[in-house]
Structure formats: structure tokens, C-alpha cells
Amino acid sequence: MSTKVYVGNLAFTVTEKELREAFSQYGELTEVMVITDRLSGRSKGFGFITFADDESAKKAISEMNGKDLQGRSIKVSEAKPMEERSERRSFGRRY
């Protein structure tokens, strides 16, 4: 079963390729994503990696959490399901 891992506190210059290279030593990666802002395209400083198996994910979490990546101490943990968002407020604008 695949496991999704959260990677936070990334430098804004980290690419998906660099993230893949840093984590591929722990096992097979099925997906690598750096989350970007929709409007600017700039990294939001976090991403997700999906490992093909649970053991690889656990090893990556234990060994990579707190490690330096491009001058920043990254935070690595098991990803939590996304919480449902409430409706956005319009702030009085009418469309």
C-alpha cells in the first residue's frame, strides 16, 4: 500500500526533481509534488511524496526529518487527509 509523506519548510527554490533525488534513496516513489501558488506559480514551501510501500515511507520520515535541504531544516511526516474547507466569503462583493 502506498503512503503519502508531507515535506515542509522547503526552500522556495526546491524543484520536484531535487525532491525526487533527495528521497529516492529510500524506495520507489510514485508521485512527487511541490505545492505552488495558483496565481504566481511560486512554491508555497511544502510538498508531498508518495512512496510505493509503507516501510520506505517510514524510513524516509525517520531519516530525513530535520535534515538540511538547500540551507533549510525540512520537516517530514506522514501526510494527513485534507480538511474540508468552508465556503469562501465574498466580502460584500456581488457577482
Protein backbone atom coordinates (compact mmCIF):
# COMPACT_ATOMS: atom_id res chain seq x y z
CA MET A 1 0.00 0.00 0.00
CA SER A 2 1.29 3.48 -0.84
CA THR A 3 1.96 6.11 1.79
CA LYS A 4 1.92 9.88 1.26
CA VAL A 5 4.54 11.93 3.11
CA TYR A 6 4.43 15.67 3.86
CA VAL A 7 7.65 17.66 3.40
CA GLY A 8 7.60 21.16 4.87
CA ASN A 9 9.89 24.14 5.37
CA LEU A 10 11.27 23.75 1.85
CA ALA A 11 13.34 26.49 0.28
CA PHE A 12 11.24 28.24 -2.37
CA THR A 13 13.81 27.18 -5.00
CA VAL A 14 13.46 23.41 -4.42
CA THR A 15 12.11 21.64 -7.51
CA GLU A 16 10.22 18.36 -7.81
CA LYS A 17 13.30 16.84 -9.46
CA GLU A 18 15.50 17.79 -6.48
CA LEU A 19 12.91 16.45 -4.04
CA ARG A 20 12.75 13.18 -6.00
CA GLU A 21 16.56 12.88 -5.93
CA ALA A 22 16.70 13.51 -2.17
CA PHE A 23 14.05 10.89 -1.32
CA SER A 24 14.51 8.21 -4.00
CA GLN A 25 17.24 6.50 -1.96
CA TYR A 26 14.55 5.30 0.49
CA GLY A 27 12.40 3.43 -2.02
CA GLU A 28 10.18 3.65 -5.07
CA LEU A 29 8.39 6.99 -5.45
CA THR A 30 5.08 7.02 -7.29
CA GLU A 31 4.44 10.79 -7.08
CA VAL A 32 6.37 13.93 -6.12
CA MET A 33 4.67 17.34 -5.84
CA VAL A 34 5.88 20.76 -4.77
CA ILE A 35 2.81 22.87 -4.00
CA THR A 36 2.74 26.18 -5.84
CA ASP A 37 0.61 29.31 -5.70
CA ARG A 38 -2.02 29.31 -8.44
CA LEU A 39 -1.52 32.94 -9.39
CA SER A 40 2.23 33.46 -9.11
CA GLY A 41 3.45 29.89 -9.70
CA ARG A 42 5.85 30.33 -6.77
CA SER A 43 6.45 27.46 -4.36
CA LYS A 44 4.50 27.61 -1.10
CA GLY A 45 7.39 25.93 0.73
CA PHE A 46 5.94 22.44 1.10
CA GLY A 47 5.21 19.35 -0.92
CA PHE A 48 4.15 15.72 -0.89
CA ILE A 49 5.86 12.48 -1.84
CA THR A 50 4.03 9.19 -2.33
CA PHE A 51 6.03 6.04 -1.64
CA ALA A 52 5.06 2.68 -3.15
CA ASP A 53 5.28 0.97 0.27
CA ASP A 54 4.87 1.89 3.94
CA GLU A 55 8.33 0.76 5.09
CA SER A 56 10.11 3.07 2.65
CA ALA A 57 7.97 5.99 3.80
CA LYS A 58 8.65 5.30 7.49
CA LYS A 59 12.40 5.08 6.86
CA ALA A 60 12.38 8.34 4.88
CA ILE A 61 10.42 10.10 7.64
CA SER A 62 12.78 8.96 10.39
CA GLU A 63 15.97 9.74 8.46
CA MET A 64 15.02 12.93 6.59
CA ASN A 65 13.08 14.84 9.27
CA GLY A 66 15.28 17.73 10.39
CA LYS A 67 17.85 17.24 7.61
CA ASP A 68 19.23 20.18 5.66
CA LEU A 69 17.98 20.69 2.10
CA GLN A 70 19.22 23.83 0.33
CA GLY A 71 20.05 25.50 3.63
CA ARG A 72 16.73 24.77 5.37
CA SER A 73 15.91 22.18 8.01
CA ILE A 74 13.00 20.28 6.45
CA LYS A 75 10.04 18.81 8.33
CA VAL A 76 8.99 15.34 7.20
CA SER A 77 5.92 13.48 8.48
CA GLU A 78 3.10 11.26 7.32
CA ALA A 79 0.58 13.34 5.38
CA LYS A 80 -2.82 13.94 6.97
CA PRO A 81 -6.04 13.97 4.96
CA MET A 82 -7.01 17.42 3.72
CA GLU A 83 -9.67 19.06 5.86
CA GLU A 84 -12.84 20.20 4.16
CA ARG A 85 -12.92 23.95 3.61
CA SER A 86 -15.92 26.10 4.39
CA GLU A 87 -17.35 28.32 1.69
CA ARG A 88 -15.29 31.37 0.85
CA ARG A 89 -16.63 34.71 1.94
CA SER A 90 -17.39 37.27 -0.73
CA PHE A 91 -16.62 40.29 1.48
CA GLY A 92 -19.69 42.10 0.22
CA ARG A 93 -18.96 41.85 -3.47
CA ARG A 94 -21.73 40.86 -5.80
CA TYR A 95 -21.08 38.89 -8.92
